[in-house]
C-alpha atoms as a PDB file:
ATOM      1  CA  MET A   1     -25.284 160.314 107.311  1.00  0.00           C
ATOM      2  CA  GLU A   2     -23.467 162.847 109.472  1.00  0.00           C
ATOM      3  CA  LYS A   3     -23.534 162.395 113.256  1.00  0.00           C
ATOM      4  CA  TYR A   4     -24.006 165.353 115.589  1.00  0.00           C
ATOM      5  CA  SER A   5     -23.238 165.971 119.259  1.00  0.00           C
ATOM      6  CA  PHE A   6     -23.472 168.698 121.876  1.00  0.00           C
ATOM      7  CA  LYS A   7     -20.808 170.828 120.180  1.00  0.00           C
ATOM      8  CA  ASP A   8     -23.076 171.074 117.114  1.00  0.00           C
ATOM      9  CA  PHE A   9     -26.165 172.239 119.012  1.00  0.00           C
ATOM     10  CA  ALA A  10     -27.292 175.862 119.248  1.00  0.00           C
ATOM     11  CA  LEU A  11     -30.599 177.626 119.764  1.00  0.00           C
ATOM     12  CA  ASN A  12     -32.489 178.089 116.458  1.00  0.00           C
ATOM     13  CA  LYS A  13     -30.124 175.788 114.544  1.00  0.00           C
ATOM     14  CA  SER A  14     -31.871 173.550 112.000  1.00  0.00           C
ATOM     15  CA  PHE A  15     -30.955 170.142 110.631  1.00  0.00           C
ATOM     16  CA  ASP A  16     -32.175 168.550 107.406  1.00  0.00           C
ATOM     17  CA  LEU A  17     -33.691 165.095 107.921  1.00  0.00           C
ATOM     18  CA  GLY A  18     -33.929 164.380 104.216  1.00  0.00           C
ATOM     19  CA  THR A  19     -36.905 162.971 102.366  1.00  0.00           C
ATOM     20  CA  VAL A  20     -39.026 159.900 103.019  1.00  0.00           C
ATOM     21  CA  THR A  21     -41.425 158.380 100.517  1.00  0.00           C
ATOM     22  CA  LEU A  22     -43.654 155.630 101.885  1.00  0.00           C
ATOM     23  CA  THR A  23     -44.845 152.851  99.615  1.00  0.00           C
ATOM     24  CA  GLU A  24     -48.387 151.531  99.760  1.00  0.00           C
ATOM     25  CA  GLN A  25     -47.079 148.295 101.286  1.00  0.00           C
ATOM     26  CA  GLU A  26     -45.100 150.186 103.966  1.00  0.00           C
ATOM     27  CA  ILE A  27     -48.279 152.062 104.931  1.00  0.00           C
ATOM     28  CA  ILE A  28     -50.270 148.837 105.158  1.00  0.00           C
ATOM     29  CA  ASP A  29     -47.571 146.918 107.064  1.00  0.00           C
ATOM     30  CA  TYR A  30     -47.051 149.709 109.597  1.00  0.00           C
ATOM     31  CA  ALA A  31     -50.790 150.152 110.135  1.00  0.00           C
ATOM     32  CA  LYS A  32     -51.407 146.436 110.648  1.00  0.00           C
ATOM     33  CA  LEU A  33     -49.031 146.588 113.626  1.00  0.00           C
ATOM     34  CA  ASN A  34     -49.763 150.071 114.974  1.00  0.00           C
ATOM     35  CA  ASP A  35     -53.018 151.545 113.698  1.00  0.00           C
ATOM     36  CA  PRO A  36     -55.197 148.955 111.922  1.00  0.00           C
ATOM     37  CA  LEU A  37     -57.888 151.275 110.609  1.00  0.00           C
ATOM     38  CA  ASP A  38     -59.374 150.670 107.160  1.00  0.00           C
ATOM     39  CA  ILE A  39     -58.087 154.024 105.835  1.00  0.00           C
ATOM     40  CA  HIS A  40     -54.568 152.632 106.386  1.00  0.00           C
ATOM     41  CA  ILE A  41     -54.966 148.968 105.397  1.00  0.00           C
ATOM     42  CA  ASN A  42     -57.932 148.614 103.025  1.00  0.00           C
ATOM     43  CA  LYS A  43     -57.453 150.402  99.725  1.00  0.00           C
ATOM     44  CA  ALA A  44     -61.077 149.970  98.574  1.00  0.00           C
ATOM     45  CA  VAL A  45     -62.478 151.449 101.798  1.00  0.00           C
ATOM     46  CA  ALA A  46     -59.849 154.218 101.840  1.00  0.00           C
ATOM     47  CA  GLU A  47     -60.779 155.279  98.297  1.00  0.00           C
ATOM     48  CA  LYS A  48     -64.378 155.824  99.461  1.00  0.00           C
ATOM     49  CA  SER A  49     -63.267 157.836 102.525  1.00  0.00           C
ATOM     50  CA  ILE A  50     -62.771 161.596 102.792  1.00  0.00           C
ATOM     51  CA  PHE A  51     -59.117 160.948 101.890  1.00  0.00           C
ATOM     52  CA  LYS A  52     -59.948 159.333  98.507  1.00  0.00           C
ATOM     53  CA  GLY A  53     -57.074 156.885  98.970  1.00  0.00           C
ATOM     54  CA  LEU A  54     -54.869 154.960 101.355  1.00  0.00           C
ATOM     55  CA  VAL A  55     -53.176 157.253 103.913  1.00  0.00           C
ATOM     56  CA  SER A  56     -50.404 156.612 106.387  1.00  0.00           C
ATOM     57  CA  SER A  57     -51.026 156.374 110.092  1.00  0.00           C
ATOM     58  CA  GLY A  58     -50.396 159.686 111.845  1.00  0.00           C
ATOM     59  CA  SER A  59     -47.404 158.329 113.737  1.00  0.00           C
ATOM     60  CA  GLN A  60     -45.752 156.672 110.729  1.00  0.00           C
ATOM     61  CA  ILE A  61     -44.011 159.751 109.328  1.00  0.00           C
ATOM     62  CA  LEU A  62     -42.447 160.646 112.683  1.00  0.00           C
ATOM     63  CA  ASN A  63     -41.450 157.044 113.377  1.00  0.00           C
ATOM     64  CA  THR A  64     -39.978 156.545 109.910  1.00  0.00           C
ATOM     65  CA  PHE A  65     -37.899 159.737 110.032  1.00  0.00           C
ATOM     66  CA  HIS A  66     -36.883 158.913 113.614  1.00  0.00           C
ATOM     67  CA  VAL A  67     -35.583 155.434 112.782  1.00  0.00           C
ATOM     68  CA  ARG A  68     -34.105 156.136 109.336  1.00  0.00           C
ATOM     69  CA  ASN A  69     -32.532 159.524 110.009  1.00  0.00           C
ATOM     70  CA  TRP A  70     -32.844 161.191 113.426  1.00  0.00           C
ATOM     71  CA  VAL A  71     -31.383 158.328 115.490  1.00  0.00           C
ATOM     72  CA  LYS A  72     -28.456 158.016 113.078  1.00  0.00           C
ATOM     73  CA  MET A  73     -27.764 161.757 113.340  1.00  0.00           C
ATOM     74  CA  PHE A  74     -28.318 162.382 117.068  1.00  0.00           C
ATOM     75  CA  GLY A  75     -28.691 158.981 118.758  1.00  0.00           C
ATOM     76  CA  ASP A  76     -25.142 158.780 120.121  1.00  0.00           C
ATOM     77  CA  SER A  77     -25.796 161.820 122.334  1.00  0.00           C
ATOM     78  CA  ILE A  78     -29.179 160.767 123.749  1.00  0.00           C
ATOM     79  CA  ILE A  79     -29.735 160.111 127.440  1.00  0.00           C
ATOM     80  CA  CYS A  80     -33.545 159.956 127.278  1.00  0.00           C
ATOM     81  CA  GLY A  81     -36.660 161.475 125.835  1.00  0.00           C
ATOM     82  CA  LEU A  82     -38.695 163.727 128.128  1.00  0.00           C
ATOM     83  CA  GLU A  83     -41.897 164.732 126.351  1.00  0.00           C
ATOM     84  CA  ILE A  84     -43.800 165.141 123.103  1.00  0.00           C
ATOM     85  CA  ASN A  85     -45.962 168.254 122.705  1.00  0.00           C
ATOM     86  CA  LYS A  86     -48.077 170.107 120.164  1.00  0.00           C
ATOM     87  CA  TRP A  87     -48.270 167.216 117.692  1.00  0.00           C
ATOM     88  CA  LYS A  88     -50.378 168.452 114.803  1.00  0.00           C
ATOM     89  CA  LEU A  89     -51.539 166.168 112.004  1.00  0.00           C
ATOM     90  CA  LEU A  90     -52.289 168.795 109.374  1.00  0.00           C
ATOM     91  CA  LYS A  91     -52.592 166.938 106.062  1.00  0.00           C
ATOM     92  CA  PRO A  92     -52.784 163.289 105.060  1.00  0.00           C
ATOM     93  CA  VAL A  93     -49.724 161.473 103.750  1.00  0.00           C
ATOM     94  CA  TYR A  94     -50.308 159.196 100.755  1.00  0.00           C
ATOM     95  CA  ALA A  95     -48.261 156.386  99.263  1.00  0.00           C
ATOM     96  CA  ASN A  96     -45.438 157.497  96.957  1.00  0.00           C
ATOM     97  CA  GLN A  97     -45.686 161.087  98.213  1.00  0.00           C
ATOM     98  CA  PRO A  98     -42.282 162.561  99.092  1.00  0.00           C
ATOM     99  CA  ILE A  99     -42.198 164.096 102.558  1.00  0.00           C
ATOM    100  CA  TYR A 100     -39.357 166.398 103.611  1.00  0.00           C
ATOM    101  CA  GLY A 101     -38.246 166.548 107.238  1.00  0.00           C
ATOM    102  CA  LYS A 102     -36.451 169.223 109.235  1.00  0.00           C
ATOM    103  CA  VAL A 103     -35.761 169.710 112.949  1.00  0.00           C
ATOM    104  CA  SER A 104     -34.867 172.955 114.691  1.00  0.00           C
ATOM    105  CA  ILE A 105     -33.696 173.601 118.231  1.00  0.00           C
ATOM    106  CA  VAL A 106     -36.276 175.860 119.897  1.00  0.00           C
ATOM    107  CA  PHE A 107     -35.137 175.397 123.505  1.00  0.00           C
ATOM    108  CA  PHE A 108     -31.621 174.687 124.743  1.00  0.00           C
ATOM    109  CA  LYS A 109     -30.468 174.538 128.367  1.00  0.00           C
ATOM    110  CA  THR A 110     -27.124 173.187 129.517  1.00  0.00           C
ATOM    111  CA  ASN A 111     -26.426 171.738 132.962  1.00  0.00           C
ATOM    112  CA  LEU A 112     -22.624 171.475 133.165  1.00  0.00           C
ATOM    113  CA  GLU A 113     -22.744 170.117 136.723  1.00  0.00           C
ATOM    114  CA  LYS A 114     -24.867 167.145 135.674  1.00  0.00           C
ATOM    115  CA  GLY A 115     -23.196 166.738 132.275  1.00  0.00           C
ATOM    116  CA  HIS A 116     -26.266 167.066 130.117  1.00  0.00           C
ATOM    117  CA  CYS A 117     -28.377 169.498 128.156  1.00  0.00           C
ATOM    118  CA  VAL A 118     -32.102 169.596 127.488  1.00  0.00           C
ATOM    119  CA  ILE A 119     -33.215 170.382 123.959  1.00  0.00           C
ATOM    120  CA  THR A 120     -36.681 170.888 122.571  1.00  0.00           C
ATOM    121  CA  TRP A 121     -36.680 169.914 118.909  1.00  0.00           C
ATOM    122  CA  PHE A 122     -39.332 171.366 116.580  1.00  0.00           C
ATOM    123  CA  TYR A 123     -40.127 168.880 113.818  1.00  0.00           C
ATOM    124  CA  GLU A 124     -41.558 169.999 110.493  1.00  0.00           C
ATOM    125  CA  PHE A 125     -42.690 167.556 107.840  1.00  0.00           C
ATOM    126  CA  THR A 126     -43.753 169.067 104.518  1.00  0.00           C
ATOM    127  CA  ASN A 127     -45.114 167.698 101.264  1.00  0.00           C
ATOM    128  CA  GLU A 128     -43.982 168.379  97.709  1.00  0.00           C
ATOM    129  CA  LYS A 129     -45.988 171.640  97.701  1.00  0.00           C
ATOM    130  CA  GLY A 130     -44.151 172.888 100.810  1.00  0.00           C
ATOM    131  CA  GLU A 131     -47.278 172.467 102.949  1.00  0.00           C
ATOM    132  CA  HIS A 132     -46.893 171.189 106.485  1.00  0.00           C
ATOM    133  CA  VAL A 133     -48.301 167.692 106.915  1.00  0.00           C
ATOM    134  CA  GLN A 134     -47.174 167.443 110.551  1.00  0.00           C
ATOM    135  CA  THR A 135     -45.433 169.521 113.180  1.00  0.00           C
ATOM    136  CA  LEU A 136     -44.507 168.648 116.753  1.00  0.00           C
ATOM    137  CA  GLU A 137     -42.062 169.306 119.552  1.00  0.00           C
ATOM    138  CA  ILE A 138     -40.000 166.636 121.288  1.00  0.00           C
ATOM    139  CA  THR A 139     -37.878 167.423 124.337  1.00  0.00           C
ATOM    140  CA  VAL A 140     -34.791 165.257 124.801  1.00  0.00           C
ATOM    141  CA  MET A 141     -31.923 165.083 127.290  1.00  0.00           C
ATOM    142  CA  HIS A 142     -28.498 164.851 125.599  1.00  0.00           C
ATOM    143  CA  ARG A 143     -25.025 164.085 126.961  1.00  0.00           C
ATOM    144  CA  LEU A 144     -22.435 166.851 126.851  1.00  0.00           C
ATOM    145  CA  ASP A 145     -19.563 164.547 125.867  1.00  0.00           C
END
């Protein structure tokens, strides 16, 4: 996976985060630790819910893309995270459903004196139909070197 740094960043630039497909067991294991609701861990109950099946926890898609892809691509330039805003959980994510991820830079401010820049990343996660399942903004401070 390609690594990016300050020299690669520009306002409105987008980066492909690839595709993640969660297995039923990954959904259950994640939920047992982070969000132990029946719709995430009990298949029989989930099938009787409005979702008609087991669904991932809302945070699982972001966390999975973050660990598997985003950190590998941008982690070497990170100083710290600053905020998460406008997190929208728009559609459920089911087991074995491919989810595509993309991030775009929607705010970019450089502070040469302090040796960092602040970037607001707009995350878009879409399903196989191209429908958004989640969107959010995360603001991060990056090193300039």
